[in-house]
N, C-alpha and C. Protein backbone atom coordinates (compact mmCIF):
# COMPACT_ATOMS: atom_id res chain seq x y z
N MET A 1 6.22 31.24 -6.08
CA MET A 1 4.96 30.06 -6.19
C MET A 1 3.62 30.77 -5.97
N TYR A 2 2.87 31.87 -6.11
CA TYR A 2 1.76 32.48 -6.49
C TYR A 2 1.84 32.05 -7.92
N GLN A 3 2.62 31.87 -8.92
CA GLN A 3 2.21 31.94 -9.96
C GLN A 3 2.42 30.64 -10.52
N LEU A 4 3.04 29.64 -9.71
CA LEU A 4 3.41 28.05 -9.83
C LEU A 4 1.43 27.57 -9.89
N GLU A 5 1.03 28.20 -8.43
CA GLU A 5 -0.30 27.66 -8.24
C GLU A 5 -1.06 27.77 -9.30
N ALA A 6 -1.18 29.51 -9.89
CA ALA A 6 -1.97 29.68 -10.84
C ALA A 6 -1.67 28.54 -12.11
N TYR A 7 -0.48 28.53 -12.14
CA TYR A 7 -0.39 27.44 -13.35
C TYR A 7 -1.20 25.92 -13.20
N LEU A 8 -0.82 25.68 -11.76
CA LEU A 8 -1.45 24.29 -11.37
C LEU A 8 -2.82 24.29 -11.14
N ALA A 9 -3.42 25.57 -10.96
CA ALA A 9 -4.94 25.27 -11.09
C ALA A 9 -5.84 25.32 -12.42
N GLN A 10 -5.10 25.59 -13.56
CA GLN A 10 -5.23 25.35 -14.74
C GLN A 10 -4.52 24.00 -15.49
N SER A 11 -4.00 23.30 -14.38
CA SER A 11 -3.21 22.20 -15.08
C SER A 11 -4.38 20.70 -15.50
N ARG A 12 -3.26 19.91 -15.72
CA ARG A 12 -3.80 18.69 -16.52
C ARG A 12 -4.50 17.64 -15.50
N VAL A 13 -4.02 17.92 -14.29
CA VAL A 13 -4.55 17.68 -13.11
C VAL A 13 -6.16 17.56 -12.54
N PRO A 14 -6.87 16.55 -12.41
CA PRO A 14 -8.07 16.81 -11.34
C PRO A 14 -8.05 18.04 -10.70
N HIS A 15 -8.73 18.96 -10.75
CA HIS A 15 -8.54 19.53 -9.35
C HIS A 15 -9.21 18.85 -7.68
N SER A 16 -9.68 17.80 -8.32
CA SER A 16 -10.16 17.49 -6.82
C SER A 16 -9.18 16.28 -6.29
N THR A 17 -7.75 15.96 -7.35
CA THR A 17 -6.94 15.07 -7.19
C THR A 17 -5.69 15.89 -6.61
N LEU A 18 -5.80 17.51 -7.15
CA LEU A 18 -4.80 18.17 -6.57
C LEU A 18 -4.87 18.38 -5.09
N GLU A 19 -6.41 18.41 -4.76
CA GLU A 19 -6.35 19.01 -3.58
C GLU A 19 -6.57 17.74 -2.59
N LEU A 20 -6.57 16.59 -2.96
CA LEU A 20 -6.72 15.24 -1.84
C LEU A 20 -4.60 15.13 -1.59
N VAL A 21 -4.16 15.35 -3.36
CA VAL A 21 -2.25 15.61 -2.88
C VAL A 21 -1.97 16.46 -1.99
N LYS A 22 -2.51 17.57 -2.18
CA LYS A 22 -2.40 18.86 -1.10
C LYS A 22 -2.63 18.30 0.20
N LEU A 23 -3.67 17.67 0.48
CA LEU A 23 -4.18 17.66 1.88
C LEU A 23 -2.94 16.45 2.39
N ARG A 24 -2.71 15.38 1.33
CA ARG A 24 -2.04 14.28 2.55
C ARG A 24 -0.51 14.56 2.30
N ALA A 25 0.14 15.21 1.70
CA ALA A 25 1.43 15.93 1.51
C ALA A 25 1.06 16.78 3.16
N SER A 26 0.44 17.61 3.22
CA SER A 26 0.00 18.26 4.60
C SER A 26 0.12 17.25 5.81
N GLN A 27 -0.73 16.67 5.81
CA GLN A 27 -0.48 15.72 7.01
C GLN A 27 0.65 15.24 7.05
N ILE A 28 1.17 14.68 6.15
CA ILE A 28 2.57 14.07 6.57
C ILE A 28 3.49 14.98 7.18
N ASN A 29 3.49 16.10 6.90
CA ASN A 29 4.24 17.11 7.01
C ASN A 29 3.73 17.98 8.49
N GLY A 30 2.67 17.66 8.74
CA GLY A 30 2.09 18.33 10.23
C GLY A 30 1.91 19.85 9.69
N CYS A 31 1.39 19.99 8.89
CA CYS A 31 0.93 21.30 8.42
C CYS A 31 -0.32 21.58 9.00
N GLY A 32 -0.86 22.07 9.54
CA GLY A 32 -1.94 22.06 10.12
C GLY A 32 -2.44 23.50 9.41
N PHE A 33 -2.12 24.34 9.41
CA PHE A 33 -2.44 25.25 8.56
C PHE A 33 -3.07 24.85 7.01
N CYS A 34 -1.97 24.40 6.39
CA CYS A 34 -2.23 23.71 5.46
C CYS A 34 -3.65 22.54 5.22
N VAL A 35 -3.40 21.74 6.53
CA VAL A 35 -4.15 20.54 6.24
C VAL A 35 -5.77 21.43 6.21
N ASP A 36 -6.05 22.62 7.15
CA ASP A 36 -7.27 23.11 7.35
C ASP A 36 -7.74 23.87 6.03
N MET A 37 -6.88 24.15 5.38
CA MET A 37 -6.75 25.46 4.12
C MET A 37 -7.87 24.21 3.19
N HIS A 38 -7.08 23.14 2.72
CA HIS A 38 -6.90 22.15 2.02
C HIS A 38 -8.34 21.03 2.05
N SER A 39 -8.86 21.07 3.56
CA SER A 39 -10.04 20.73 3.64
C SER A 39 -11.06 21.47 3.24
N HIS A 40 -11.01 22.61 3.97
CA HIS A 40 -12.03 23.43 3.10
C HIS A 40 -11.89 23.43 1.94
N ASP A 41 -11.19 23.65 0.78
CA ASP A 41 -10.88 24.11 -0.69
C ASP A 41 -11.38 22.76 -0.94
N ALA A 42 -11.37 21.45 -0.32
CA ALA A 42 -11.59 20.36 -1.32
C ALA A 42 -13.40 20.19 -0.91
N LYS A 43 -13.89 20.54 0.55
CA LYS A 43 -15.19 20.80 0.30
C LYS A 43 -15.69 21.94 -0.32
N LYS A 44 -15.24 22.79 -0.69
CA LYS A 44 -16.28 23.84 -1.60
C LYS A 44 -15.90 23.24 -2.36
N ALA A 45 -15.26 22.48 -3.55
CA ALA A 45 -15.23 21.57 -4.19
C ALA A 45 -15.85 20.91 -4.77
N GLY A 46 -16.44 20.29 -3.87
CA GLY A 46 -17.66 19.11 -3.82
C GLY A 46 -17.03 18.06 -3.29
N GLU A 47 -16.62 17.87 -2.57
CA GLU A 47 -15.53 16.54 -1.78
C GLU A 47 -16.18 16.62 -0.66
N THR A 48 -16.20 14.94 -0.78
CA THR A 48 -17.17 14.30 0.26
C THR A 48 -16.44 14.47 1.89
N ASP A 49 -17.14 14.06 2.95
CA ASP A 49 -16.64 14.32 4.11
C ASP A 49 -16.12 12.91 4.16
N GLU A 50 -16.54 11.52 3.83
CA GLU A 50 -16.05 10.37 3.56
C GLU A 50 -14.82 10.38 3.16
N ARG A 51 -14.61 10.86 2.05
CA ARG A 51 -13.19 10.74 1.11
C ARG A 51 -12.19 11.84 2.34
N LEU A 52 -12.68 13.01 2.60
CA LEU A 52 -11.60 13.51 3.30
C LEU A 52 -11.22 13.25 4.85
N PHE A 53 -12.12 12.41 5.33
CA PHE A 53 -12.02 11.79 6.72
C PHE A 53 -10.98 10.70 6.06
N ALA A 54 -10.89 9.85 4.79
CA ALA A 54 -10.29 9.03 5.01
C ALA A 54 -8.79 9.03 4.29
N VAL A 55 -8.50 10.03 3.81
CA VAL A 55 -7.53 10.76 3.08
C VAL A 55 -6.49 9.32 3.66
N ALA A 56 -6.10 10.35 5.24
CA ALA A 56 -4.71 9.70 5.79
C ALA A 56 -4.61 7.74 5.83
N ALA A 57 -5.54 7.29 5.82
CA ALA A 57 -5.94 6.00 5.44
C ALA A 57 -6.65 5.53 4.12
N TRP A 58 -6.01 5.98 2.68
CA TRP A 58 -6.25 5.62 1.66
C TRP A 58 -6.25 4.26 1.16
N ARG A 59 -5.02 3.59 1.20
CA ARG A 59 -4.22 2.56 0.98
C ARG A 59 -5.79 1.32 1.69
N ASP A 60 -6.02 1.70 2.44
CA ASP A 60 -7.43 0.99 2.96
C ASP A 60 -8.69 1.27 3.17
N THR A 61 -8.98 1.90 2.03
CA THR A 61 -10.53 2.58 1.90
C THR A 61 -10.85 2.30 0.31
N PRO A 62 -11.97 1.83 0.30
CA PRO A 62 -12.69 1.33 -1.07
C PRO A 62 -13.02 3.30 -1.90
N PHE A 63 -12.72 4.27 -1.44
CA PHE A 63 -13.19 5.72 -1.87
C PHE A 63 -12.12 5.86 -2.76
N PHE A 64 -11.33 6.00 -3.64
CA PHE A 64 -10.22 6.34 -4.44
C PHE A 64 -10.31 5.93 -5.30
N THR A 65 -10.11 6.68 -6.58
CA THR A 65 -10.00 6.05 -7.92
C THR A 65 -8.60 5.67 -8.20
N GLY A 66 -8.03 4.17 -9.10
CA GLY A 66 -6.81 4.61 -9.52
C GLY A 66 -6.16 5.29 -10.06
N HIS A 67 -6.52 6.67 -10.39
CA HIS A 67 -5.63 7.71 -10.48
C HIS A 67 -5.22 8.50 -9.41
N GLU A 68 -6.67 8.40 -8.65
CA GLU A 68 -6.08 9.23 -7.30
C GLU A 68 -5.25 8.27 -6.75
N ARG A 69 -5.05 7.17 -6.38
CA ARG A 69 -4.31 6.21 -5.31
C ARG A 69 -3.15 6.16 -5.97
N ALA A 70 -2.94 5.99 -7.61
CA ALA A 70 -1.54 6.38 -7.82
C ALA A 70 -0.50 8.06 -7.51
N ALA A 71 -1.78 8.97 -7.91
CA ALA A 71 -1.25 10.48 -7.27
C ALA A 71 -1.17 10.32 -5.62
N LEU A 72 -1.55 9.64 -4.88
CA LEU A 72 -1.19 9.70 -3.24
C LEU A 72 0.07 8.92 -2.74
N ALA A 73 0.36 7.74 -3.81
CA ALA A 73 1.24 7.01 -3.90
C ALA A 73 2.40 8.10 -3.82
N LEU A 74 2.68 8.43 -5.26
CA LEU A 74 3.55 9.35 -5.88
C LEU A 74 4.11 10.81 -4.69
N THR A 75 2.75 10.99 -4.26
CA THR A 75 2.62 12.04 -2.89
C THR A 75 3.56 11.92 -1.94
N GLU A 76 2.98 10.49 -1.46
CA GLU A 76 3.90 9.87 -0.26
C GLU A 76 5.09 9.88 -0.37
N ALA A 77 5.75 8.81 -1.30
CA ALA A 77 6.99 8.79 -1.41
C ALA A 77 7.86 10.08 -1.77
N ALA A 78 7.66 10.90 -2.78
CA ALA A 78 8.16 11.95 -2.91
C ALA A 78 8.17 13.51 -1.45
N THR A 79 7.05 13.25 -0.50
CA THR A 79 7.19 13.82 1.06
C THR A 79 8.17 13.21 1.91
N ARG A 80 8.21 12.35 1.82
CA ARG A 80 8.93 11.31 2.47
C ARG A 80 10.48 10.81 2.02
N LEU A 81 10.66 11.64 1.23
CA LEU A 81 12.32 11.46 0.48
C LEU A 81 13.17 11.24 1.93
N PRO A 82 13.16 11.64 2.96
CA PRO A 82 14.27 11.29 3.70
C PRO A 82 14.53 9.98 4.45
N ASP A 83 12.51 9.79 4.43
CA ASP A 83 12.73 8.10 5.15
C ASP A 83 13.37 6.62 4.19
N GLY A 84 13.79 7.12 3.03
CA GLY A 84 13.33 5.82 1.91
C GLY A 84 14.55 6.06 1.16
N ASP A 85 14.97 5.55 0.15
CA ASP A 85 15.61 5.44 -1.19
C ASP A 85 14.97 6.43 -2.32
N GLY A 86 13.70 7.47 -2.00
CA GLY A 86 13.62 8.01 -3.08
C GLY A 86 12.15 7.41 -3.24
N VAL A 87 11.99 7.64 -4.24
CA VAL A 87 10.35 7.14 -4.87
C VAL A 87 11.15 6.02 -5.93
N ALA A 88 10.07 4.55 -5.55
CA ALA A 88 10.28 3.43 -5.76
C ALA A 88 9.62 3.77 -7.31
N ASP A 89 10.24 2.41 -8.08
CA ASP A 89 10.07 2.25 -9.62
C ASP A 89 8.70 2.30 -9.62
N GLU A 90 8.26 1.03 -8.82
CA GLU A 90 6.62 1.01 -9.00
C GLU A 90 5.75 1.98 -8.97
N VAL A 91 6.11 2.71 -7.87
CA VAL A 91 5.41 3.91 -7.76
C VAL A 91 5.18 4.83 -8.84
N TRP A 92 6.88 4.80 -9.40
CA TRP A 92 6.69 6.25 -10.46
C TRP A 92 5.96 5.62 -12.03
N ALA A 93 5.90 3.81 -11.89
CA ALA A 93 5.45 3.35 -12.97
C ALA A 93 3.60 3.29 -12.98
N ALA A 94 3.20 3.27 -11.73
CA ALA A 94 1.80 3.34 -11.33
C ALA A 94 1.06 4.69 -12.06
N ALA A 95 1.76 5.94 -11.32
CA ALA A 95 1.71 7.10 -11.74
C ALA A 95 1.77 6.98 -13.27
N ALA A 96 2.95 6.68 -13.88
CA ALA A 96 2.88 7.36 -15.44
C ALA A 96 1.99 6.26 -16.16
N ASP A 97 1.27 4.99 -15.89
CA ASP A 97 0.00 4.53 -16.04
C ASP A 97 -1.34 5.38 -16.26
N HIS A 98 -1.15 6.15 -14.95
CA HIS A 98 -2.54 6.70 -15.02
C HIS A 98 -2.42 8.33 -15.47
N PHE A 99 -1.22 8.78 -15.81
CA PHE A 99 -1.40 10.69 -16.05
C PHE A 99 -0.10 10.27 -17.52
N ASP A 100 -0.59 10.90 -18.45
CA ASP A 100 0.51 10.97 -19.39
C ASP A 100 1.12 12.17 -18.86
N GLU A 101 2.54 12.48 -19.58
CA GLU A 101 3.58 13.01 -19.46
C GLU A 101 3.45 14.31 -19.21
N GLY A 102 2.68 15.13 -19.24
CA GLY A 102 2.25 16.69 -19.17
C GLY A 102 1.42 16.44 -17.87
N ALA A 103 0.58 15.68 -17.76
CA ALA A 103 -0.03 15.67 -16.64
C ALA A 103 0.76 15.22 -15.33
N LEU A 104 1.60 14.17 -15.33
CA LEU A 104 2.60 13.93 -14.90
C LEU A 104 3.74 14.92 -14.11
N ALA A 105 4.13 15.58 -14.85
CA ALA A 105 4.67 16.66 -14.58
C ALA A 105 4.62 17.42 -13.79
N ASP A 106 3.04 17.94 -14.26
CA ASP A 106 2.43 18.80 -13.57
C ASP A 106 2.07 17.93 -12.07
N LEU A 107 1.85 17.25 -11.50
CA LEU A 107 1.66 16.45 -10.60
C LEU A 107 2.90 16.32 -9.74
N VAL A 108 4.29 16.10 -10.57
CA VAL A 108 5.04 16.59 -9.74
C VAL A 108 5.67 17.96 -9.31
N MET A 109 5.10 18.88 -9.84
CA MET A 109 5.25 20.33 -9.73
C MET A 109 3.81 20.49 -8.51
N ALA A 110 2.96 20.05 -8.62
CA ALA A 110 2.17 20.02 -7.22
C ALA A 110 2.65 19.52 -5.79
N ILE A 111 2.98 18.45 -6.03
CA ILE A 111 3.53 17.98 -4.74
C ILE A 111 5.11 18.55 -4.63
N ALA A 112 5.87 19.36 -5.08
CA ALA A 112 7.20 20.15 -4.85
C ALA A 112 6.13 21.39 -4.40
N ALA A 113 5.29 21.91 -4.74
CA ALA A 113 4.58 23.30 -4.61
C ALA A 113 4.12 23.10 -2.99
N ILE A 114 3.25 22.30 -2.90
CA ILE A 114 2.68 21.92 -1.35
C ILE A 114 3.87 21.20 -0.32
N ASN A 115 4.84 20.73 -0.57
CA ASN A 115 5.90 20.60 -0.01
C ASN A 115 6.27 21.78 0.63
N ALA A 116 6.98 22.60 -0.46
CA ALA A 116 7.30 23.97 -0.36
C ALA A 116 6.39 24.73 1.04
N TRP A 117 5.16 24.55 0.61
CA TRP A 117 4.35 25.53 1.20
C TRP A 117 4.12 25.33 2.70
N ASN A 118 4.16 23.80 2.96
CA ASN A 118 4.00 22.86 4.12
C ASN A 118 5.18 23.48 5.14
N ARG A 119 6.32 23.72 4.61
CA ARG A 119 7.55 24.45 4.94
C ARG A 119 7.50 25.82 5.09
N ILE A 120 7.12 26.62 4.62
CA ILE A 120 6.77 27.86 4.96
C ILE A 120 5.79 28.21 6.17
N ASN A 121 4.76 27.45 5.87
CA ASN A 121 3.85 27.73 7.31
C ASN A 121 4.24 26.96 8.32
N VAL A 122 4.89 26.12 8.67
CA VAL A 122 5.52 25.40 9.63
C VAL A 122 6.62 26.14 10.33
N THR A 123 6.90 26.46 9.40
CA THR A 123 8.64 27.37 9.78
C THR A 123 7.82 29.11 10.19
N THR A 124 7.00 29.38 9.93
CA THR A 124 6.26 30.68 10.12
C THR A 124 5.30 30.66 10.93
N ARG A 125 4.89 29.40 11.42
CA ARG A 125 4.03 29.16 12.68
C ARG A 125 2.67 29.89 12.09
N ASN A 126 1.75 29.49 10.79
CA ASN A 126 1.02 29.95 10.86
C ASN A 126 -0.42 28.77 11.04
N LEU A 127 -1.27 29.99 11.85
CA LEU A 127 -2.24 28.83 12.45
C LEU A 127 -3.32 28.58 11.49
N ALA A 128 -3.82 26.81 11.95
CA ALA A 128 -5.18 26.60 11.30
C ALA A 128 -6.13 27.17 11.22
N GLY A 129 -6.73 27.79 10.28
CA GLY A 129 -8.19 28.42 10.41
C GLY A 129 -7.95 29.94 10.56
N SER A 130 -6.64 30.39 10.38
CA SER A 130 -6.06 31.74 10.43
C SER A 130 -6.61 32.81 9.18
N LEU A 131 -6.58 31.75 7.68
CA LEU A 131 -6.59 32.48 6.92
C LEU A 131 -8.36 32.71 6.50
N ARG A 132 -9.16 31.81 6.89
CA ARG A 132 -10.46 31.82 6.83
C ARG A 132 -10.79 32.96 7.92
N LYS A 133 -9.99 33.29 8.92
CA LYS A 133 -10.81 33.91 9.92
C LYS A 133 -10.07 35.63 9.12
N SER A 134 -8.98 35.74 8.55
CA SER A 134 -9.27 36.93 7.92
C SER A 134 -9.58 37.34 6.84
N ASN A 135 -10.42 36.35 6.33
CA ASN A 135 -10.93 36.88 4.90
C ASN A 135 -12.26 37.73 5.35
């Protein structure tokens, strides 16, 4: 998992987009540990409070670019697989319109990774803020 994260840190997807993806999947999965961590990581990387506060309602705000919206839509669809019929063709097509094949592959791996991390942290009951307190 750590090697995958190291790869993703150098991926073709902008770092700010990756942090938004990590935050949104973590919100959906109810992973307080990851919501806390990725909110702080995004803030350290220059993300604004306005955008961070709006991630859960990204569709109803003017704060996100087309490629961020495509990434967030794909994140929600891939994270909520049990709730529907998978990733709709139009969601995939929108992502493919905004990301080349390599970046799209990186985005899919980032979504898979954060969903795995969410499941690990929810299962082991890691507490929000505990990582920052131990450093």
